[in-house]
Amino acid sequence: MLLIQKSDLFGAAASTICLIHCLITPFIFVAQTCSKTCCATAPTWWKIVDLIFLIISFFAVYHSTSLTTKLGLKIGFWLSWIGLALLILNDNLNLFELAHECVYLPSLGLIILHLYNRKQCKCSDNSCCV
């Protein structure tokens, strides 16, 4: 399966697209309203895209952490993913007042961790990752 073989590349791409999605959301919906809650008027299908990215990133993180022996990377991956999950769920459920921009940090963290892990796992037989 492609996701298992290239989980870091796939995860970095998905996280980058997710970050772009999060960056453009306010600009798309600011035309609808100029109030502080511009993103609250986003259609349901747009918010579901967040959850799709979250599911994709879960599998990328799961497979990347299963291939590396570096404990720091495993912890970083899961902390970033959990942070991203909590922020996305909070953004969709409006549990706490948090700036929408908070989601950028764990998303960037996942991108950086996937790219770093991909660089560290460049060996012919994957023995450096397993």
C-alpha atoms as a PDB file:
ATOM      1  CA  MET A   1       0.000   0.000   0.000  1.00  0.00           C
ATOM      2  CA  LEU A   2       1.340   3.422  -0.971  1.00  0.00           C
ATOM      3  CA  LEU A   3       0.529   5.033   2.381  1.00  0.00           C
ATOM      4  CA  ILE A   4       2.599   2.462   4.269  1.00  0.00           C
ATOM      5  CA  GLN A   5       5.569   2.693   1.902  1.00  0.00           C
ATOM      6  CA  LYS A   6       5.632   6.490   1.692  1.00  0.00           C
ATOM      7  CA  SER A   7       3.875   7.535   4.904  1.00  0.00           C
ATOM      8  CA  ASP A   8       6.208  10.478   5.532  1.00  0.00           C
ATOM      9  CA  LEU A   9       5.829  11.876   2.040  1.00  0.00           C
ATOM     10  CA  PHE A  10       2.086  11.279   2.140  1.00  0.00           C
ATOM     11  CA  GLY A  11       1.804  12.778   5.647  1.00  0.00           C
ATOM     12  CA  ALA A  12       3.840  15.861   4.757  1.00  0.00           C
ATOM     13  CA  ALA A  13       1.710  16.427   1.645  1.00  0.00           C
ATOM     14  CA  ALA A  14      -1.560  15.946   3.538  1.00  0.00           C
ATOM     15  CA  SER A  15      -0.413  18.250   6.347  1.00  0.00           C
ATOM     16  CA  THR A  16       0.651  20.898   3.834  1.00  0.00           C
ATOM     17  CA  ILE A  17      -2.695  20.742   2.040  1.00  0.00           C
ATOM     18  CA  CYS A  18      -4.444  20.874   5.426  1.00  0.00           C
ATOM     19  CA  LEU A  19      -2.409  23.947   6.361  1.00  0.00           C
ATOM     20  CA  ILE A  20      -3.302  25.635   3.068  1.00  0.00           C
ATOM     21  CA  HIS A  21      -6.960  24.739   3.676  1.00  0.00           C
ATOM     22  CA  CYS A  22      -6.764  26.343   7.128  1.00  0.00           C
ATOM     23  CA  LEU A  23      -4.976  29.420   5.792  1.00  0.00           C
ATOM     24  CA  ILE A  24      -7.488  30.157   3.036  1.00  0.00           C
ATOM     25  CA  THR A  25     -10.641  29.478   5.078  1.00  0.00           C
ATOM     26  CA  PRO A  26     -10.875  32.971   6.586  1.00  0.00           C
ATOM     27  CA  PHE A  27     -10.253  34.612   3.215  1.00  0.00           C
ATOM     28  CA  ILE A  28     -12.942  32.589   1.484  1.00  0.00           C
ATOM     29  CA  PHE A  29     -15.615  33.314   4.063  1.00  0.00           C
ATOM     30  CA  VAL A  30     -14.654  36.906   4.876  1.00  0.00           C
ATOM     31  CA  ALA A  31     -16.506  37.907   1.716  1.00  0.00           C
ATOM     32  CA  GLN A  32     -19.709  36.542   3.262  1.00  0.00           C
ATOM     33  CA  THR A  33     -19.425  38.537   6.460  1.00  0.00           C
ATOM     34  CA  CYS A  34     -17.046  40.935   8.098  1.00  0.00           C
ATOM     35  CA  SER A  35     -17.849  39.875  11.646  1.00  0.00           C
ATOM     36  CA  LYS A  36     -15.446  38.224  14.088  1.00  0.00           C
ATOM     37  CA  THR A  37     -17.070  34.843  13.448  1.00  0.00           C
ATOM     38  CA  CYS A  38     -16.449  34.716   9.708  1.00  0.00           C
ATOM     39  CA  CYS A  39     -15.394  31.071   9.775  1.00  0.00           C
ATOM     40  CA  ALA A  40     -18.458  29.986  11.756  1.00  0.00           C
ATOM     41  CA  THR A  41     -20.500  30.505   8.594  1.00  0.00           C
ATOM     42  CA  ALA A  42     -18.474  27.890   6.729  1.00  0.00           C
ATOM     43  CA  PRO A  43     -20.664  25.195   5.195  1.00  0.00           C
ATOM     44  CA  THR A  44     -20.684  21.764   6.812  1.00  0.00           C
ATOM     45  CA  TRP A  45     -18.933  20.131   3.854  1.00  0.00           C
ATOM     46  CA  TRP A  46     -16.016  22.576   4.287  1.00  0.00           C
ATOM     47  CA  LYS A  47     -15.663  21.636   7.964  1.00  0.00           C
ATOM     48  CA  ILE A  48     -15.796  17.928   7.054  1.00  0.00           C
ATOM     49  CA  VAL A  49     -12.651  18.465   4.972  1.00  0.00           C
ATOM     50  CA  ASP A  50     -10.858  19.191   8.288  1.00  0.00           C
ATOM     51  CA  LEU A  51     -11.915  15.808   9.616  1.00  0.00           C
ATOM     52  CA  ILE A  52     -10.830  14.062   6.422  1.00  0.00           C
ATOM     53  CA  PHE A  53      -7.359  15.607   6.744  1.00  0.00           C
ATOM     54  CA  LEU A  54      -7.296  14.549  10.399  1.00  0.00           C
ATOM     55  CA  ILE A  55      -8.061  10.921   9.485  1.00  0.00           C
ATOM     56  CA  ILE A  56      -5.461  10.899   6.701  1.00  0.00           C
ATOM     57  CA  SER A  57      -2.860  12.401   9.021  1.00  0.00           C
ATOM     58  CA  PHE A  58      -3.664   9.790  11.696  1.00  0.00           C
ATOM     59  CA  PHE A  59      -2.772   6.935   9.347  1.00  0.00           C
ATOM     60  CA  ALA A  60       0.357   8.748   8.114  1.00  0.00           C
ATOM     61  CA  VAL A  61       1.497   9.355  11.706  1.00  0.00           C
ATOM     62  CA  TYR A  62       0.658   5.785  12.703  1.00  0.00           C
ATOM     63  CA  HIS A  63       2.715   4.283   9.890  1.00  0.00           C
ATOM     64  CA  SER A  64       5.589   6.750  10.285  1.00  0.00           C
ATOM     65  CA  THR A  65       5.861   6.078  14.007  1.00  0.00           C
ATOM     66  CA  SER A  66       5.729   2.337  13.439  1.00  0.00           C
ATOM     67  CA  LEU A  67       8.766   2.590  11.134  1.00  0.00           C
ATOM     68  CA  THR A  68      11.029   4.719  13.303  1.00  0.00           C
ATOM     69  CA  THR A  69      12.889   3.723  16.451  1.00  0.00           C
ATOM     70  CA  LYS A  70      13.508   7.322  17.494  1.00  0.00           C
ATOM     71  CA  LEU A  71      11.421   7.919  20.610  1.00  0.00           C
ATOM     72  CA  GLY A  72      11.595  11.706  20.230  1.00  0.00           C
ATOM     73  CA  LEU A  73      10.064  11.517  16.766  1.00  0.00           C
ATOM     74  CA  LYS A  74       7.311   9.196  17.953  1.00  0.00           C
ATOM     75  CA  ILE A  75       6.424  11.548  20.802  1.00  0.00           C
ATOM     76  CA  GLY A  76       6.592  14.594  18.534  1.00  0.00           C
ATOM     77  CA  PHE A  77       4.352  12.976  15.924  1.00  0.00           C
ATOM     78  CA  TRP A  78       1.694  11.956  18.423  1.00  0.00           C
ATOM     79  CA  LEU A  79       1.763  15.230  20.378  1.00  0.00           C
ATOM     80  CA  SER A  80       1.399  17.183  17.141  1.00  0.00           C
ATOM     81  CA  TRP A  81      -1.405  14.961  15.921  1.00  0.00           C
ATOM     82  CA  ILE A  82      -3.269  15.074  19.245  1.00  0.00           C
ATOM     83  CA  GLY A  83      -2.884  18.868  19.318  1.00  0.00           C
ATOM     84  CA  LEU A  84      -4.183  19.108  15.758  1.00  0.00           C
ATOM     85  CA  ALA A  85      -7.106  16.789  16.557  1.00  0.00           C
ATOM     86  CA  LEU A  86      -8.097  18.748  19.664  1.00  0.00           C
ATOM     87  CA  LEU A  87      -7.903  22.074  17.843  1.00  0.00           C
ATOM     88  CA  ILE A  88      -9.897  20.844  14.836  1.00  0.00           C
ATOM     89  CA  LEU A  89     -12.560  19.276  17.033  1.00  0.00           C
ATOM     90  CA  ASN A  90     -12.739  22.428  19.137  1.00  0.00           C
ATOM     91  CA  ASP A  91     -13.006  24.542  15.991  1.00  0.00           C
ATOM     92  CA  ASN A  92     -15.894  22.414  14.693  1.00  0.00           C
ATOM     93  CA  LEU A  93     -17.715  22.074  18.019  1.00  0.00           C
ATOM     94  CA  ASN A  94     -16.953  25.581  19.367  1.00  0.00           C
ATOM     95  CA  LEU A  95     -16.141  24.296  22.852  1.00  0.00           C
ATOM     96  CA  PHE A  96     -13.620  27.002  23.751  1.00  0.00           C
ATOM     97  CA  GLU A  97     -12.806  30.406  22.316  1.00  0.00           C
ATOM     98  CA  LEU A  98      -9.475  29.859  20.598  1.00  0.00           C
ATOM     99  CA  ALA A  99      -7.972  31.658  17.647  1.00  0.00           C
ATOM    100  CA  HIS A 100      -8.357  29.676  14.441  1.00  0.00           C
ATOM    101  CA  GLU A 101      -4.659  30.285  13.795  1.00  0.00           C
ATOM    102  CA  CYS A 102      -3.706  27.935  16.672  1.00  0.00           C
ATOM    103  CA  VAL A 103      -4.129  25.010  14.264  1.00  0.00           C
ATOM    104  CA  TYR A 104      -1.097  26.189  12.260  1.00  0.00           C
ATOM    105  CA  LEU A 105       1.418  25.128  14.923  1.00  0.00           C
ATOM    106  CA  PRO A 106       0.628  21.377  15.095  1.00  0.00           C
ATOM    107  CA  SER A 107       0.093  21.298  11.342  1.00  0.00           C
ATOM    108  CA  LEU A 108       3.540  22.806  10.753  1.00  0.00           C
ATOM    109  CA  GLY A 109       4.920  20.422  13.354  1.00  0.00           C
ATOM    110  CA  LEU A 110       3.588  17.429  11.436  1.00  0.00           C
ATOM    111  CA  ILE A 111       5.018  18.739   8.158  1.00  0.00           C
ATOM    112  CA  ILE A 112       8.458  19.261   9.701  1.00  0.00           C
ATOM    113  CA  LEU A 113       8.433  15.912  11.518  1.00  0.00           C
ATOM    114  CA  HIS A 114       7.407  13.997   8.390  1.00  0.00           C
ATOM    115  CA  LEU A 115      10.103  15.691   6.309  1.00  0.00           C
ATOM    116  CA  TYR A 116      12.742  15.136   9.014  1.00  0.00           C
ATOM    117  CA  ASN A 117      11.732  11.491   9.429  1.00  0.00           C
ATOM    118  CA  ARG A 118      11.821  11.009   5.660  1.00  0.00           C
ATOM    119  CA  LYS A 119      15.364  12.418   5.581  1.00  0.00           C
ATOM    120  CA  GLN A 120      16.455  10.171   8.468  1.00  0.00           C
ATOM    121  CA  CYS A 121      15.000   7.055   6.821  1.00  0.00           C
ATOM    122  CA  LYS A 122      17.031   7.221   3.620  1.00  0.00           C
ATOM    123  CA  CYS A 123      18.727   3.854   3.501  1.00  0.00           C
ATOM    124  CA  SER A 124      18.511   1.048   0.997  1.00  0.00           C
ATOM    125  CA  ASP A 125      16.891  -1.558   3.234  1.00  0.00           C
ATOM    126  CA  ASN A 126      14.965   0.570   5.800  1.00  0.00           C
ATOM    127  CA  SER A 127      17.207  -0.785   8.579  1.00  0.00           C
ATOM    128  CA  CYS A 128      17.806   2.757   9.811  1.00  0.00           C
ATOM    129  CA  CYS A 129      14.088   3.194  10.505  1.00  0.00           C
ATOM    130  CA  VAL A 130      13.087  -0.174  11.814  1.00  0.00           C
END
